[in-house]
Amino acid sequence: MLATQTLDEPIEKTPAIHNGRPILAGTGTTVRALAIMYKQGYSPEDITLELPVSLAQVYAALAYYHLHTDEIEADIRADAERVLITQ
């Protein structure tokens, strides 16, 4: 019998790592970092050349991003606002 996996399994949230932001399991790479790179025009293959992640991990992160766009975009905006306030 084959075990089934969900799209969320490669993603984890741990309060002690990046303030609980979703990351690729077993790494410190946030979903939002990958989403930002993708939105800047990096292809999934390009991302694997820039970060120590596999193509499968990139696709898992992008799938998570597309399923949780509001959450990730709100985090990106909040961080951008913090930067503007401190400048």
C-alpha atoms as a PDB file:
ATOM      1  CA  MET A   1       0.000   0.000   0.000  1.00  0.00           C
ATOM      2  CA  LEU A   2       1.336   3.425  -0.952  1.00  0.00           C
ATOM      3  CA  ALA A   3       1.489   6.189   1.616  1.00  0.00           C
ATOM      4  CA  THR A   4      -0.162   9.419   0.568  1.00  0.00           C
ATOM      5  CA  GLN A   5       1.365  12.807   1.106  1.00  0.00           C
ATOM      6  CA  THR A   6      -0.250  16.218   1.221  1.00  0.00           C
ATOM      7  CA  LEU A   7       1.154  19.400  -0.255  1.00  0.00           C
ATOM      8  CA  ASP A   8       1.680  20.823   3.234  1.00  0.00           C
ATOM      9  CA  GLU A   9       4.020  18.037   4.422  1.00  0.00           C
ATOM     10  CA  PRO A  10       7.182  19.553   2.909  1.00  0.00           C
ATOM     11  CA  ILE A  11       6.303  22.814   4.695  1.00  0.00           C
ATOM     12  CA  GLU A  12       6.540  23.377   8.439  1.00  0.00           C
ATOM     13  CA  LYS A  13       5.930  26.213  10.855  1.00  0.00           C
ATOM     14  CA  THR A  14       8.060  26.316  13.992  1.00  0.00           C
ATOM     15  CA  PRO A  15       7.741  29.331  16.304  1.00  0.00           C
ATOM     16  CA  ALA A  16      11.485  29.339  17.032  1.00  0.00           C
ATOM     17  CA  ILE A  17      12.444  29.447  13.340  1.00  0.00           C
ATOM     18  CA  HIS A  18      11.795  32.670  11.381  1.00  0.00           C
ATOM     19  CA  ASN A  19       9.046  33.657  13.835  1.00  0.00           C
ATOM     20  CA  GLY A  20       6.856  30.754  12.743  1.00  0.00           C
ATOM     21  CA  ARG A  21       6.860  31.647   9.061  1.00  0.00           C
ATOM     22  CA  PRO A  22       6.316  28.654   6.787  1.00  0.00           C
ATOM     23  CA  ILE A  23       9.627  27.088   5.773  1.00  0.00           C
ATOM     24  CA  LEU A  24      10.734  24.114   3.737  1.00  0.00           C
ATOM     25  CA  ALA A  25      10.930  21.228   6.200  1.00  0.00           C
ATOM     26  CA  GLY A  26      14.470  20.563   7.352  1.00  0.00           C
ATOM     27  CA  THR A  27      15.773  23.876   6.038  1.00  0.00           C
ATOM     28  CA  GLY A  28      15.682  27.478   7.120  1.00  0.00           C
ATOM     29  CA  THR A  29      14.385  28.577   3.719  1.00  0.00           C
ATOM     30  CA  THR A  30      11.093  30.435   3.957  1.00  0.00           C
ATOM     31  CA  VAL A  31       8.260  30.024   1.506  1.00  0.00           C
ATOM     32  CA  ARG A  32       8.089  33.791   1.224  1.00  0.00           C
ATOM     33  CA  ALA A  33      11.747  33.997   0.093  1.00  0.00           C
ATOM     34  CA  LEU A  34      11.009  31.577  -2.717  1.00  0.00           C
ATOM     35  CA  ALA A  35       7.778  33.374  -3.585  1.00  0.00           C
ATOM     36  CA  ILE A  36       9.611  36.701  -3.780  1.00  0.00           C
ATOM     37  CA  MET A  37      12.256  35.232  -6.072  1.00  0.00           C
ATOM     38  CA  TYR A  38       9.579  33.670  -8.270  1.00  0.00           C
ATOM     39  CA  LYS A  39       7.695  36.974  -8.473  1.00  0.00           C
ATOM     40  CA  GLN A  40      10.973  38.696  -9.454  1.00  0.00           C
ATOM     41  CA  GLY A  41      11.168  36.426 -12.486  1.00  0.00           C
ATOM     42  CA  TYR A  42      13.333  33.568 -11.272  1.00  0.00           C
ATOM     43  CA  SER A  43      12.272  30.232 -12.712  1.00  0.00           C
ATOM     44  CA  PRO A  44      12.064  27.264 -10.329  1.00  0.00           C
ATOM     45  CA  GLU A  45      15.270  25.976 -11.921  1.00  0.00           C
ATOM     46  CA  ASP A  46      16.988  29.354 -11.361  1.00  0.00           C
ATOM     47  CA  ILE A  47      15.987  29.269  -7.695  1.00  0.00           C
ATOM     48  CA  THR A  48      17.749  25.910  -7.238  1.00  0.00           C
ATOM     49  CA  LEU A  49      20.931  27.530  -8.541  1.00  0.00           C
ATOM     50  CA  GLU A  50      20.677  30.374  -6.012  1.00  0.00           C
ATOM     51  CA  LEU A  51      19.549  28.468  -2.908  1.00  0.00           C
ATOM     52  CA  PRO A  52      20.400  25.033  -1.490  1.00  0.00           C
ATOM     53  CA  VAL A  53      16.987  23.551  -2.331  1.00  0.00           C
ATOM     54  CA  SER A  54      15.777  20.906  -4.747  1.00  0.00           C
ATOM     55  CA  LEU A  55      13.382  21.472  -7.603  1.00  0.00           C
ATOM     56  CA  ALA A  56      10.760  19.416  -5.751  1.00  0.00           C
ATOM     57  CA  GLN A  57      11.147  21.703  -2.717  1.00  0.00           C
ATOM     58  CA  VAL A  58      10.731  24.802  -4.879  1.00  0.00           C
ATOM     59  CA  TYR A  59       7.537  23.435  -6.392  1.00  0.00           C
ATOM     60  CA  ALA A  60       6.248  22.466  -2.934  1.00  0.00           C
ATOM     61  CA  ALA A  61       6.909  26.001  -1.677  1.00  0.00           C
ATOM     62  CA  LEU A  62       5.249  27.570  -4.717  1.00  0.00           C
ATOM     63  CA  ALA A  63       2.239  25.272  -4.340  1.00  0.00           C
ATOM     64  CA  TYR A  64       1.990  26.318  -0.685  1.00  0.00           C
ATOM     65  CA  TYR A  65       2.296  29.968  -1.716  1.00  0.00           C
ATOM     66  CA  HIS A  66      -0.515  29.638  -4.256  1.00  0.00           C
ATOM     67  CA  LEU A  67      -2.723  27.878  -1.711  1.00  0.00           C
ATOM     68  CA  HIS A  68      -1.959  30.487   0.983  1.00  0.00           C
ATOM     69  CA  THR A  69      -1.351  33.618  -1.105  1.00  0.00           C
ATOM     70  CA  ASP A  70      -3.133  35.994   1.279  1.00  0.00           C
ATOM     71  CA  GLU A  71      -1.035  34.822   4.252  1.00  0.00           C
ATOM     72  CA  ILE A  72       2.309  35.049   2.433  1.00  0.00           C
ATOM     73  CA  GLU A  73       1.528  38.380   0.733  1.00  0.00           C
ATOM     74  CA  ALA A  74       0.422  39.905   4.057  1.00  0.00           C
ATOM     75  CA  ASP A  75       3.732  38.824   5.596  1.00  0.00           C
ATOM     76  CA  ILE A  76       5.704  40.327   2.707  1.00  0.00           C
ATOM     77  CA  ARG A  77       3.781  43.617   2.983  1.00  0.00           C
ATOM     78  CA  ALA A  78       4.185  43.779   6.768  1.00  0.00           C
ATOM     79  CA  ASP A  79       7.922  43.259   6.474  1.00  0.00           C
ATOM     80  CA  ALA A  80       8.186  45.933   3.762  1.00  0.00           C
ATOM     81  CA  GLU A  81       6.264  48.364   5.985  1.00  0.00           C
ATOM     82  CA  ARG A  82       8.633  47.677   8.904  1.00  0.00           C
ATOM     83  CA  VAL A  83      11.587  48.503   6.671  1.00  0.00           C
ATOM     84  CA  LEU A  84      10.000  51.789   5.580  1.00  0.00           C
ATOM     85  CA  ILE A  85       9.256  52.789   9.161  1.00  0.00           C
ATOM     86  CA  THR A  86      12.844  52.201  10.304  1.00  0.00           C
ATOM     87  CA  GLN A  87      14.410  54.164   7.439  1.00  0.00           C
END
